[in-house]
PDB file of N, CA and C in Angstrom:
ATOM      1  N   MET A   1     -15.357  -3.976  -1.371  1.00  0.00           N
ATOM      2  CA  MET A   1     -14.019  -3.995  -1.923  1.00  0.00           C
ATOM      3  C   MET A   1     -13.265  -2.750  -1.441  1.00  0.00           C
ATOM      4  N   ILE A   2     -12.092  -2.954  -0.882  1.00  0.00           N
ATOM      5  CA  ILE A   2     -11.320  -1.870  -0.276  1.00  0.00           C
ATOM      6  C   ILE A   2     -10.415  -1.152  -1.274  1.00  0.00           C
ATOM      7  N   GLU A   3     -10.051  -1.795  -2.358  1.00  0.00           N
ATOM      8  CA  GLU A   3      -9.061  -1.230  -3.278  1.00  0.00           C
ATOM      9  C   GLU A   3      -9.407   0.174  -3.786  1.00  0.00           C
ATOM     10  N   PRO A   4     -10.620   0.455  -4.254  1.00  0.00           N
ATOM     11  CA  PRO A   4     -10.911   1.825  -4.716  1.00  0.00           C
ATOM     12  C   PRO A   4     -10.740   2.874  -3.623  1.00  0.00           C
ATOM     13  N   THR A   5     -11.086   2.532  -2.390  1.00  0.00           N
ATOM     14  CA  THR A   5     -10.936   3.464  -1.266  1.00  0.00           C
ATOM     15  C   THR A   5      -9.463   3.741  -0.989  1.00  0.00           C
ATOM     16  N   VAL A   6      -8.655   2.697  -1.010  1.00  0.00           N
ATOM     17  CA  VAL A   6      -7.224   2.829  -0.759  1.00  0.00           C
ATOM     18  C   VAL A   6      -6.566   3.660  -1.862  1.00  0.00           C
ATOM     19  N   VAL A   7      -6.896   3.366  -3.105  1.00  0.00           N
ATOM     20  CA  VAL A   7      -6.311   4.104  -4.233  1.00  0.00           C
ATOM     21  C   VAL A   7      -6.694   5.581  -4.161  1.00  0.00           C
ATOM     22  N   ALA A   8      -7.955   5.871  -3.873  1.00  0.00           N
ATOM     23  CA  ALA A   8      -8.403   7.265  -3.770  1.00  0.00           C
ATOM     24  C   ALA A   8      -7.630   8.002  -2.672  1.00  0.00           C
ATOM     25  N   ALA A   9      -7.398   7.349  -1.556  1.00  0.00           N
ATOM     26  CA  ALA A   9      -6.643   7.981  -0.464  1.00  0.00           C
ATOM     27  C   ALA A   9      -5.194   8.229  -0.888  1.00  0.00           C
ATOM     28  N   LEU A  10      -4.572   7.244  -1.525  1.00  0.00           N
ATOM     29  CA  LEU A  10      -3.178   7.405  -1.948  1.00  0.00           C
ATOM     30  C   LEU A  10      -3.016   8.480  -3.018  1.00  0.00           C
ATOM     31  N   GLU A  11      -4.044   8.674  -3.828  1.00  0.00           N
ATOM     32  CA  GLU A  11      -3.989   9.709  -4.877  1.00  0.00           C
ATOM     33  C   GLU A  11      -3.825  11.106  -4.266  1.00  0.00           C
ATOM     34  N   THR A  12      -4.251  11.300  -3.011  1.00  0.00           N
ATOM     35  CA  THR A  12      -4.069  12.612  -2.378  1.00  0.00           C
ATOM     36  C   THR A  12      -2.596  12.877  -2.070  1.00  0.00           C
ATOM     37  N   LEU A  13      -1.830  11.811  -1.876  1.00  0.00           N
ATOM     38  CA  LEU A  13      -0.402  11.929  -1.568  1.00  0.00           C
ATOM     39  C   LEU A  13       0.457  11.775  -2.826  1.00  0.00           C
ATOM     40  N   PHE A  14      -0.014  10.957  -3.777  1.00  0.00           N
ATOM     41  CA  PHE A  14       0.691  10.679  -5.025  1.00  0.00           C
ATOM     42  C   PHE A  14      -0.247  10.936  -6.207  1.00  0.00           C
ATOM     43  N   PRO A  15      -0.567  12.203  -6.500  1.00  0.00           N
ATOM     44  CA  PRO A  15      -1.527  12.485  -7.566  1.00  0.00           C
ATOM     45  C   PRO A  15      -1.063  11.926  -8.919  1.00  0.00           C
ATOM     46  N   GLY A  16      -1.900  11.057  -9.498  1.00  0.00           N
ATOM     47  CA  GLY A  16      -1.584  10.467 -10.793  1.00  0.00           C
ATOM     48  C   GLY A  16      -0.427   9.491 -10.775  1.00  0.00           C
ATOM     49  N   ALA A  17      -0.012   9.040  -9.593  1.00  0.00           N
ATOM     50  CA  ALA A  17       1.170   8.185  -9.484  1.00  0.00           C
ATOM     51  C   ALA A  17       0.937   7.003  -8.547  1.00  0.00           C
ATOM     52  N   VAL A  18      -0.249   6.385  -8.650  1.00  0.00           N
ATOM     53  CA  VAL A  18      -0.582   5.192  -7.878  1.00  0.00           C
ATOM     54  C   VAL A  18      -0.833   4.076  -8.887  1.00  0.00           C
ATOM     55  N   TYR A  19      -0.059   2.988  -8.793  1.00  0.00           N
ATOM     56  CA  TYR A  19      -0.115   1.936  -9.812  1.00  0.00           C
ATOM     57  C   TYR A  19      -0.295   0.557  -9.187  1.00  0.00           C
ATOM     58  N   PRO A  20      -1.197  -0.256  -9.744  1.00  0.00           N
ATOM     59  CA  PRO A  20      -1.290  -1.644  -9.297  1.00  0.00           C
ATOM     60  C   PRO A  20      -0.104  -2.435  -9.861  1.00  0.00           C
ATOM     61  N   ASP A  21       0.535  -3.200  -9.037  1.00  0.00           N
ATOM     62  CA  ASP A  21       1.630  -4.110  -9.403  1.00  0.00           C
ATOM     63  C   ASP A  21       2.923  -3.399  -9.800  1.00  0.00           C
ATOM     64  N   VAL A  22       2.964  -2.749 -10.956  1.00  0.00           N
ATOM     65  CA  VAL A  22       4.184  -2.073 -11.415  1.00  0.00           C
ATOM     66  C   VAL A  22       3.818  -0.756 -12.085  1.00  0.00           C
ATOM     67  N   ALA A  23       4.746   0.190 -12.044  1.00  0.00           N
ATOM     68  CA  ALA A  23       4.551   1.465 -12.735  1.00  0.00           C
ATOM     69  C   ALA A  23       5.035   1.325 -14.174  1.00  0.00           C
ATOM     70  N   PRO A  24       4.476   2.106 -15.075  1.00  0.00           N
ATOM     71  CA  PRO A  24       4.971   2.079 -16.453  1.00  0.00           C
ATOM     72  C   PRO A  24       6.460   2.461 -16.494  1.00  0.00           C
ATOM     73  N   GLN A  25       7.186   1.877 -17.427  1.00  0.00           N
ATOM     74  CA  GLN A  25       8.609   2.189 -17.566  1.00  0.00           C
ATOM     75  C   GLN A  25       8.792   3.694 -17.787  1.00  0.00           C
ATOM     76  N   GLY A  26       9.759   4.262 -17.104  1.00  0.00           N
ATOM     77  CA  GLY A  26      10.050   5.680 -17.250  1.00  0.00           C
ATOM     78  C   GLY A  26       9.248   6.588 -16.338  1.00  0.00           C
ATOM     79  N   THR A  27       8.410   6.027 -15.467  1.00  0.00           N
ATOM     80  CA  THR A  27       7.642   6.843 -14.523  1.00  0.00           C
ATOM     81  C   THR A  27       8.601   7.598 -13.611  1.00  0.00           C
ATOM     82  N   THR A  28       8.350   8.881 -13.418  1.00  0.00           N
ATOM     83  CA  THR A  28       9.224   9.677 -12.560  1.00  0.00           C
ATOM     84  C   THR A  28       8.845   9.492 -11.088  1.00  0.00           C
ATOM     85  N   HIS A  29       9.835   9.660 -10.243  1.00  0.00           N
ATOM     86  CA  HIS A  29       9.636   9.535  -8.787  1.00  0.00           C
ATOM     87  C   HIS A  29       9.090  10.839  -8.235  1.00  0.00           C
ATOM     88  N   PRO A  30       8.382  10.793  -7.139  1.00  0.00           N
ATOM     89  CA  PRO A  30       7.977   9.595  -6.397  1.00  0.00           C
ATOM     90  C   PRO A  30       6.674   9.014  -6.945  1.00  0.00           C
ATOM     91  N   PHE A  31       6.504   7.719  -6.704  1.00  0.00           N
ATOM     92  CA  PHE A  31       5.249   7.035  -7.013  1.00  0.00           C
ATOM     93  C   PHE A  31       5.102   5.856  -6.068  1.00  0.00           C
ATOM     94  N   VAL A  32       3.913   5.272  -6.059  1.00  0.00           N
ATOM     95  CA  VAL A  32       3.647   4.121  -5.202  1.00  0.00           C
ATOM     96  C   VAL A  32       3.016   3.013  -6.031  1.00  0.00           C
ATOM     97  N   THR A  33       3.431   1.785  -5.751  1.00  0.00           N
ATOM     98  CA  THR A  33       2.797   0.608  -6.336  1.00  0.00           C
ATOM     99  C   THR A  33       2.163  -0.196  -5.206  1.00  0.00           C
ATOM    100  N   TYR A  34       1.171  -0.986  -5.556  1.00  0.00           N
ATOM    101  CA  TYR A  34       0.525  -1.830  -4.556  1.00  0.00           C
ATOM    102  C   TYR A  34       0.091  -3.134  -5.202  1.00  0.00           C
ATOM    103  N   GLN A  35      -0.026  -4.155  -4.366  1.00  0.00           N
ATOM    104  CA  GLN A  35      -0.545  -5.442  -4.814  1.00  0.00           C
ATOM    105  C   GLN A  35      -1.091  -6.206  -3.625  1.00  0.00           C
ATOM    106  N   GLN A  36      -2.078  -7.048  -3.900  1.00  0.00           N
ATOM    107  CA  GLN A  36      -2.609  -7.880  -2.820  1.00  0.00           C
ATOM    108  C   GLN A  36      -1.683  -9.066  -2.645  1.00  0.00           C
ATOM    109  N   VAL A  37      -1.264  -9.294  -1.395  1.00  0.00           N
ATOM    110  CA  VAL A  37      -0.332 -10.374  -1.093  1.00  0.00           C
ATOM    111  C   VAL A  37      -0.929 -11.391  -0.123  1.00  0.00           C
ATOM    112  N   GLY A  38      -2.225 -11.358   0.042  1.00  0.00           N
ATOM    113  CA  GLY A  38      -2.892 -12.316   0.921  1.00  0.00           C
ATOM    114  C   GLY A  38      -4.059 -11.685   1.637  1.00  0.00           C
ATOM    115  N   GLY A  39      -4.430 -12.314   2.731  1.00  0.00           N
ATOM    116  CA  GLY A  39      -5.550 -11.854   3.532  1.00  0.00           C
ATOM    117  C   GLY A  39      -5.941 -12.936   4.522  1.00  0.00           C
ATOM    118  N   VAL A  40      -6.967 -12.657   5.275  1.00  0.00           N
ATOM    119  CA  VAL A  40      -7.470 -13.595   6.277  1.00  0.00           C
ATOM    120  C   VAL A  40      -8.795 -14.135   5.771  1.00  0.00           C
ATOM    121  N   PRO A  41      -9.000 -15.456   5.830  1.00  0.00           N
ATOM    122  CA  PRO A  41     -10.281 -16.007   5.391  1.00  0.00           C
ATOM    123  C   PRO A  41     -11.436 -15.433   6.201  1.00  0.00           C
ATOM    124  N   SER A  42     -12.571 -15.267   5.542  1.00  0.00           N
ATOM    125  CA  SER A  42     -13.733 -14.700   6.235  1.00  0.00           C
ATOM    126  C   SER A  42     -14.748 -15.767   6.619  1.00  0.00           C
ATOM    127  N   ASN A  43     -14.432 -17.030   6.354  1.00  0.00           N
ATOM    128  CA  ASN A  43     -15.368 -18.083   6.733  1.00  0.00           C
ATOM    129  C   ASN A  43     -15.003 -18.658   8.102  1.00  0.00           C
ATOM    130  N   THR A  44     -16.030 -19.029   8.837  1.00  0.00           N
ATOM    131  CA  THR A  44     -15.865 -19.593  10.172  1.00  0.00           C
ATOM    132  C   THR A  44     -16.674 -20.878  10.259  1.00  0.00           C
ATOM    133  N   LEU A  45     -16.651 -21.530  11.409  1.00  0.00           N
ATOM    134  CA  LEU A  45     -17.471 -22.735  11.592  1.00  0.00           C
ATOM    135  C   LEU A  45     -18.958 -22.409  11.500  1.00  0.00           C
ATOM    136  N   CYS A  46     -19.302 -21.150  11.729  1.00  0.00           N
ATOM    137  CA  CYS A  46     -20.700 -20.715  11.643  1.00  0.00           C
ATOM    138  C   CYS A  46     -21.092 -20.268  10.239  1.00  0.00           C
ATOM    139  N   GLY A  47     -20.151 -20.289   9.293  1.00  0.00           N
ATOM    140  CA  GLY A  47     -20.428 -19.858   7.929  1.00  0.00           C
ATOM    141  C   GLY A  47     -19.602 -18.646   7.543  1.00  0.00           C
ATOM    142  N   ASN A  48     -19.926 -18.077   6.402  1.00  0.00           N
ATOM    143  CA  ASN A  48     -19.205 -16.909   5.901  1.00  0.00           C
ATOM    144  C   ASN A  48     -19.696 -15.640   6.576  1.00  0.00           C
ATOM    145  N   THR A  49     -18.791 -14.675   6.697  1.00  0.00           N
ATOM    146  CA  THR A  49     -19.161 -13.373   7.244  1.00  0.00           C
ATOM    147  C   THR A  49     -19.443 -12.411   6.089  1.00  0.00           C
ATOM    148  N   ASP A  50     -19.918 -11.230   6.409  1.00  0.00           N
ATOM    149  CA  ASP A  50     -20.159 -10.223   5.378  1.00  0.00           C
ATOM    150  C   ASP A  50     -18.940  -9.328   5.181  1.00  0.00           C
ATOM    151  N   LYS A  51     -17.805  -9.704   5.753  1.00  0.00           N
ATOM    152  CA  LYS A  51     -16.572  -8.922   5.645  1.00  0.00           C
ATOM    153  C   LYS A  51     -15.533  -9.687   4.830  1.00  0.00           C
ATOM    154  N   GLN A  52     -14.684  -8.938   4.155  1.00  0.00           N
ATOM    155  CA  GLN A  52     -13.560  -9.507   3.422  1.00  0.00           C
ATOM    156  C   GLN A  52     -12.285  -8.837   3.903  1.00  0.00           C
ATOM    157  N   ASN A  53     -11.196  -9.599   3.952  1.00  0.00           N
ATOM    158  CA  ASN A  53      -9.912  -9.059   4.368  1.00  0.00           C
ATOM    159  C   ASN A  53      -8.939  -9.106   3.206  1.00  0.00           C
ATOM    160  N   ALA A  54      -8.149  -8.067   3.092  1.00  0.00           N
ATOM    161  CA  ALA A  54      -7.084  -8.023   2.090  1.00  0.00           C
ATOM    162  C   ALA A  54      -5.809  -7.524   2.749  1.00  0.00           C
ATOM    163  N   ARG A  55      -4.731  -8.223   2.489  1.00  0.00           N
ATOM    164  CA  ARG A  55      -3.410  -7.747   2.908  1.00  0.00           C
ATOM    165  C   ARG A  55      -2.767  -7.165   1.658  1.00  0.00           C
ATOM    166  N   LEU A  56      -2.526  -5.862   1.686  1.00  0.00           N
ATOM    167  CA  LEU A  56      -1.945  -5.174   0.543  1.00  0.00           C
ATOM    168  C   LEU A  56      -0.523  -4.752   0.870  1.00  0.00           C
ATOM    169  N   GLN A  57       0.354  -4.891  -0.119  1.00  0.00           N
ATOM    170  CA  GLN A  57       1.736  -4.465   0.038  1.00  0.00           C
ATOM    171  C   GLN A  57       1.935  -3.194  -0.787  1.00  0.00           C
ATOM    172  N   PHE A  58       2.496  -2.180  -0.166  1.00  0.00           N
ATOM    173  CA  PHE A  58       2.731  -0.890  -0.802  1.00  0.00           C
ATOM    174  C   PHE A  58       4.230  -0.661  -0.884  1.00  0.00           C
ATOM    175  N   THR A  59       4.677  -0.161  -2.032  1.00  0.00           N
ATOM    176  CA  THR A  59       6.081   0.203  -2.195  1.00  0.00           C
ATOM    177  C   THR A  59       6.141   1.618  -2.749  1.00  0.00           C
ATOM    178  N   VAL A  60       6.760   2.499  -1.996  1.00  0.00           N
ATOM    179  CA  VAL A  60       6.987   3.873  -2.425  1.00  0.00           C
ATOM    180  C   VAL A  60       8.371   3.920  -3.071  1.00  0.00           C
ATOM    181  N   TRP A  61       8.465   4.545  -4.231  1.00  0.00           N
ATOM    182  CA  TRP A  61       9.735   4.711  -4.936  1.00  0.00           C
ATOM    183  C   TRP A  61      10.077   6.188  -5.004  1.00  0.00           C
ATOM    184  N   ALA A  62      11.342   6.509  -4.696  1.00  0.00           N
ATOM    185  CA  ALA A  62      11.772   7.908  -4.641  1.00  0.00           C
ATOM    186  C   ALA A  62      13.244   8.012  -5.043  1.00  0.00           C
ATOM    187  N   ASP A  63      13.738   9.256  -5.112  1.00  0.00           N
ATOM    188  CA  ASP A  63      15.125   9.510  -5.499  1.00  0.00           C
ATOM    189  C   ASP A  63      16.107   9.336  -4.349  1.00  0.00           C
ATOM    190  N   THR A  64      15.630   9.421  -3.107  1.00  0.00           N
ATOM    191  CA  THR A  64      16.515   9.296  -1.950  1.00  0.00           C
ATOM    192  C   THR A  64      15.870   8.411  -0.886  1.00  0.00           C
ATOM    193  N   ARG A  65      16.711   7.826  -0.020  1.00  0.00           N
ATOM    194  CA  ARG A  65      16.204   7.014   1.097  1.00  0.00           C
ATOM    195  C   ARG A  65      15.314   7.840   2.022  1.00  0.00           C
ATOM    196  N   PRO A  66      15.735   9.037   2.464  1.00  0.00           N
ATOM    197  CA  PRO A  66      14.866   9.806   3.357  1.00  0.00           C
ATOM    198  C   PRO A  66      13.498  10.123   2.733  1.00  0.00           C
ATOM    199  N   GLN A  67      13.477  10.459   1.451  1.00  0.00           N
ATOM    200  CA  GLN A  67      12.207  10.765   0.792  1.00  0.00           C
ATOM    201  C   GLN A  67      11.312   9.523   0.743  1.00  0.00           C
ATOM    202  N   ALA A  68      11.871   8.375   0.389  1.00  0.00           N
ATOM    203  CA  ALA A  68      11.083   7.139   0.328  1.00  0.00           C
ATOM    204  C   ALA A  68      10.509   6.804   1.704  1.00  0.00           C
ATOM    205  N   ASN A  69      11.329   6.890   2.748  1.00  0.00           N
ATOM    206  CA  ASN A  69      10.864   6.573   4.102  1.00  0.00           C
ATOM    207  C   ASN A  69       9.781   7.540   4.567  1.00  0.00           C
ATOM    208  N   THR A  70       9.993   8.831   4.330  1.00  0.00           N
ATOM    209  CA  THR A  70       9.015   9.843   4.752  1.00  0.00           C
ATOM    210  C   THR A  70       7.675   9.623   4.052  1.00  0.00           C
ATOM    211  N   LEU A  71       7.703   9.401   2.752  1.00  0.00           N
ATOM    212  CA  LEU A  71       6.456   9.199   2.003  1.00  0.00           C
ATOM    213  C   LEU A  71       5.750   7.909   2.428  1.00  0.00           C
ATOM    214  N   MET A  72       6.511   6.849   2.717  1.00  0.00           N
ATOM    215  CA  MET A  72       5.867   5.603   3.156  1.00  0.00           C
ATOM    216  C   MET A  72       5.218   5.791   4.511  1.00  0.00           C
ATOM    217  N   ARG A  73       5.856   6.534   5.392  1.00  0.00           N
ATOM    218  CA  ARG A  73       5.254   6.799   6.714  1.00  0.00           C
ATOM    219  C   ARG A  73       3.999   7.665   6.579  1.00  0.00           C
ATOM    220  N   GLN A  74       4.015   8.620   5.652  1.00  0.00           N
ATOM    221  CA  GLN A  74       2.822   9.434   5.407  1.00  0.00           C
ATOM    222  C   GLN A  74       1.694   8.574   4.832  1.00  0.00           C
ATOM    223  N   ALA A  75       2.037   7.661   3.924  1.00  0.00           N
ATOM    224  CA  ALA A  75       1.035   6.763   3.351  1.00  0.00           C
ATOM    225  C   ALA A  75       0.460   5.841   4.425  1.00  0.00           C
ATOM    226  N   GLU A  76       1.324   5.327   5.303  1.00  0.00           N
ATOM    227  CA  GLU A  76       0.859   4.468   6.396  1.00  0.00           C
ATOM    228  C   GLU A  76      -0.136   5.212   7.279  1.00  0.00           C
ATOM    229  N   LYS A  77       0.178   6.439   7.638  1.00  0.00           N
ATOM    230  CA  LYS A  77      -0.723   7.227   8.488  1.00  0.00           C
ATOM    231  C   LYS A  77      -2.059   7.437   7.787  1.00  0.00           C
ATOM    232  N   LEU A  78      -2.012   7.782   6.527  1.00  0.00           N
ATOM    233  CA  LEU A  78      -3.216   8.005   5.739  1.00  0.00           C
ATOM    234  C   LEU A  78      -4.107   6.759   5.706  1.00  0.00           C
ATOM    235  N   LEU A  79      -3.476   5.591   5.583  1.00  0.00           N
ATOM    236  CA  LEU A  79      -4.228   4.347   5.432  1.00  0.00           C
ATOM    237  C   LEU A  79      -4.624   3.696   6.754  1.00  0.00           C
ATOM    238  N   THR A  80      -4.028   4.131   7.865  1.00  0.00           N
ATOM    239  CA  THR A  80      -4.386   3.542   9.161  1.00  0.00           C
ATOM    240  C   THR A  80      -5.310   4.438   9.977  1.00  0.00           C
ATOM    241  N   ASP A  81      -5.387   5.715   9.626  1.00  0.00           N
ATOM    242  CA  ASP A  81      -6.319   6.628  10.301  1.00  0.00           C
ATOM    243  C   ASP A  81      -7.743   6.396   9.807  1.00  0.00           C
ATOM    244  N   PRO A  82      -8.754   6.852  10.579  1.00  0.00           N
ATOM    245  CA  PRO A  82     -10.124   6.807  10.078  1.00  0.00           C
ATOM    246  C   PRO A  82     -10.239   7.638   8.805  1.00  0.00           C
ATOM    247  N   PRO A  83     -11.054   7.289   7.874  1.00  0.00           N
ATOM    248  CA  PRO A  83     -12.059   6.235   7.943  1.00  0.00           C
ATOM    249  C   PRO A  83     -11.574   4.868   7.464  1.00  0.00           C
ATOM    250  N   ILE A  84     -10.342   4.756   6.920  1.00  0.00           N
ATOM    251  CA  ILE A  84      -9.904   3.483   6.334  1.00  0.00           C
ATOM    252  C   ILE A  84      -9.534   2.468   7.402  1.00  0.00           C
ATOM    253  N   ARG A  85      -8.751   2.878   8.378  1.00  0.00           N
ATOM    254  CA  ARG A  85      -8.385   2.043   9.522  1.00  0.00           C
ATOM    255  C   ARG A  85      -7.670   0.742   9.164  1.00  0.00           C
ATOM    256  N   GLY A  86      -6.722   0.834   8.235  1.00  0.00           N
ATOM    257  CA  GLY A  86      -5.883  -0.327   7.960  1.00  0.00           C
ATOM    258  C   GLY A  86      -5.002  -0.625   9.163  1.00  0.00           C
ATOM    259  N   VAL A  87      -4.448  -1.831   9.200  1.00  0.00           N
ATOM    260  CA  VAL A  87      -3.596  -2.248  10.309  1.00  0.00           C
ATOM    261  C   VAL A  87      -2.231  -2.639   9.741  1.00  0.00           C
ATOM    262  N   SER A  88      -1.175  -1.971  10.211  1.00  0.00           N
ATOM    263  CA  SER A  88       0.179  -2.280   9.761  1.00  0.00           C
ATOM    264  C   SER A  88       0.519  -3.725  10.108  1.00  0.00           C
ATOM    265  N   GLN A  89       1.191  -4.393   9.189  1.00  0.00           N
ATOM    266  CA  GLN A  89       1.595  -5.780   9.386  1.00  0.00           C
ATOM    267  C   GLN A  89       3.122  -5.864   9.446  1.00  0.00           C
ATOM    268  N   GLY A  90       3.699  -5.113  10.353  1.00  0.00           N
ATOM    269  CA  GLY A  90       5.148  -5.065  10.482  1.00  0.00           C
ATOM    270  C   GLY A  90       5.661  -3.689  10.121  1.00  0.00           C
ATOM    271  N   GLY A  91       6.941  -3.529  10.277  1.00  0.00           N
ATOM    272  CA  GLY A  91       7.553  -2.235  10.016  1.00  0.00           C
ATOM    273  C   GLY A  91       7.939  -2.033   8.570  1.00  0.00           C
ATOM    274  N   LEU A  92       8.388  -0.848   8.292  1.00  0.00           N
ATOM    275  CA  LEU A  92       8.830  -0.451   6.971  1.00  0.00           C
ATOM    276  C   LEU A  92      10.090  -1.231   6.585  1.00  0.00           C
ATOM    277  N   ALA A  93      10.180  -1.652   5.334  1.00  0.00           N
ATOM    278  CA  ALA A  93      11.366  -2.340   4.817  1.00  0.00           C
ATOM    279  C   ALA A  93      11.989  -1.486   3.726  1.00  0.00           C
ATOM    280  N   ALA A  94      13.280  -1.214   3.841  1.00  0.00           N
ATOM    281  CA  ALA A  94      13.986  -0.414   2.849  1.00  0.00           C
ATOM    282  C   ALA A  94      14.505  -1.322   1.736  1.00  0.00           C
ATOM    283  N   ILE A  95      14.376  -0.850   0.490  1.00  0.00           N
ATOM    284  CA  ILE A  95      14.885  -1.595  -0.663  1.00  0.00           C
ATOM    285  C   ILE A  95      15.552  -0.610  -1.618  1.00  0.00           C
ATOM    286  N   PHE A  96      16.375  -1.144  -2.520  1.00  0.00           N
ATOM    287  CA  PHE A  96      17.049  -0.326  -3.526  1.00  0.00           C
ATOM    288  C   PHE A  96      17.027  -1.083  -4.832  1.00  0.00           C
ATOM    289  N   ASP A  97      16.672  -0.393  -5.925  1.00  0.00           N
ATOM    290  CA  ASP A  97      16.661  -0.991  -7.247  1.00  0.00           C
ATOM    291  C   ASP A  97      17.863  -0.460  -8.018  1.00  0.00           C
ATOM    292  N   ALA A  98      18.900  -1.262  -8.146  1.00  0.00           N
ATOM    293  CA  ALA A  98      20.149  -0.823  -8.761  1.00  0.00           C
ATOM    294  C   ALA A  98      19.993  -0.370 -10.217  1.00  0.00           C
ATOM    295  N   PRO A  99      19.248  -1.100 -11.062  1.00  0.00           N
ATOM    296  CA  PRO A  99      19.153  -0.656 -12.458  1.00  0.00           C
ATOM    297  C   PRO A  99      18.563   0.752 -12.625  1.00  0.00           C
ATOM    298  N   THR A 100      17.592   1.117 -11.775  1.00  0.00           N
ATOM    299  CA  THR A 100      16.963   2.444 -11.896  1.00  0.00           C
ATOM    300  C   THR A 100      17.494   3.434 -10.868  1.00  0.00           C
ATOM    301  N   LYS A 101      18.351   2.944  -9.969  1.00  0.00           N
ATOM    302  CA  LYS A 101      18.893   3.770  -8.878  1.00  0.00           C
ATOM    303  C   LYS A 101      17.776   4.416  -8.052  1.00  0.00           C
ATOM    304  N   ALA A 102      16.717   3.644  -7.823  1.00  0.00           N
ATOM    305  CA  ALA A 102      15.563   4.131  -7.059  1.00  0.00           C
ATOM    306  C   ALA A 102      15.594   3.532  -5.654  1.00  0.00           C
ATOM    307  N   TYR A 103      15.216   4.360  -4.701  1.00  0.00           N
ATOM    308  CA  TYR A 103      15.100   3.929  -3.309  1.00  0.00           C
ATOM    309  C   TYR A 103      13.642   3.607  -3.036  1.00  0.00           C
ATOM    310  N   GLY A 104      13.417   2.466  -2.388  1.00  0.00           N
ATOM    311  CA  GLY A 104      12.060   2.060  -2.086  1.00  0.00           C
ATOM    312  C   GLY A 104      11.850   1.863  -0.598  1.00  0.00           C
ATOM    313  N   ALA A 105      10.609   2.026  -0.193  1.00  0.00           N
ATOM    314  CA  ALA A 105      10.191   1.724   1.180  1.00  0.00           C
ATOM    315  C   ALA A 105       8.916   0.911   1.052  1.00  0.00           C
ATOM    316  N   ARG A 106       8.904  -0.268   1.631  1.00  0.00           N
ATOM    317  CA  ARG A 106       7.793  -1.200   1.457  1.00  0.00           C
ATOM    318  C   ARG A 106       7.142  -1.506   2.804  1.00  0.00           C
ATOM    319  N   GLN A 107       5.815  -1.654   2.762  1.00  0.00           N
ATOM    320  CA  GLN A 107       5.083  -2.017   3.975  1.00  0.00           C
ATOM    321  C   GLN A 107       3.786  -2.718   3.603  1.00  0.00           C
ATOM    322  N   ASP A 108       3.401  -3.688   4.431  1.00  0.00           N
ATOM    323  CA  ASP A 108       2.134  -4.400   4.269  1.00  0.00           C
ATOM    324  C   ASP A 108       1.114  -3.859   5.262  1.00  0.00           C
ATOM    325  N   LEU A 109      -0.121  -3.745   4.807  1.00  0.00           N
ATOM    326  CA  LEU A 109      -1.230  -3.337   5.677  1.00  0.00           C
ATOM    327  C   LEU A 109      -2.409  -4.271   5.421  1.00  0.00           C
ATOM    328  N   SER A 110      -3.183  -4.506   6.465  1.00  0.00           N
ATOM    329  CA  SER A 110      -4.354  -5.362   6.398  1.00  0.00           C
ATOM    330  C   SER A 110      -5.606  -4.493   6.487  1.00  0.00           C
ATOM    331  N   PHE A 111      -6.604  -4.810   5.648  1.00  0.00           N
ATOM    332  CA  PHE A 111      -7.844  -4.051   5.596  1.00  0.00           C
ATOM    333  C   PHE A 111      -9.039  -4.992   5.652  1.00  0.00           C
ATOM    334  N   TRP A 112     -10.049  -4.600   6.430  1.00  0.00           N
ATOM    335  CA  TRP A 112     -11.328  -5.303   6.455  1.00  0.00           C
ATOM    336  C   TRP A 112     -12.379  -4.410   5.830  1.00  0.00           C
ATOM    337  N   ALA A 113     -13.224  -4.993   5.011  1.00  0.00           N
ATOM    338  CA  ALA A 113     -14.294  -4.220   4.372  1.00  0.00           C
ATOM    339  C   ALA A 113     -15.479  -5.128   4.106  1.00  0.00           C
ATOM    340  N   ALA A 114     -16.658  -4.529   4.028  1.00  0.00           N
ATOM    341  CA  ALA A 114     -17.871  -5.287   3.693  1.00  0.00           C
ATOM    342  C   ALA A 114     -17.815  -5.701   2.238  1.00  0.00           C
ATOM    343  N   ASP A 115     -18.474  -6.801   1.921  1.00  0.00           N
ATOM    344  CA  ASP A 115     -18.543  -7.273   0.527  1.00  0.00           C
ATOM    345  C   ASP A 115     -19.076  -6.223  -0.387  1.00  0.00           C
TER     346      ASP A 115
END
C-alpha cells in the first residue's frame, strides 16, 4: 500500500496539514488534500501481479496563486523522486475556491507498489 509512504513524504512539506479527501473546516493555509481517483488494473492474461497501482489526486491550498503553484511543484518533486518514484499524470491545474478565497493547485500522480 502506497498511501502511508506518500503521506509520510508530504508531512515533511506540510507538517500536520495532510488530509485525505477534505481538510477540517477552518484549517489554515497551506495544506494538502489527497484522494484516490483510479489506477491501472494489475491483472493480466497470465494472472494477477504482485503490484498494485493507485492514481492519487493532490490539491494544495494556499493564500496566493504563486504559493499554491510553488508548493504543488515541490510536492510533485518529492513524490516523483526516489524512493517513491510516482509518475505525473499531466500538468498542474489551477483552481480557486470563492467561498474561502483559497487558491488551489491540483495534480494527479500514479504510483506502483507491492501488495
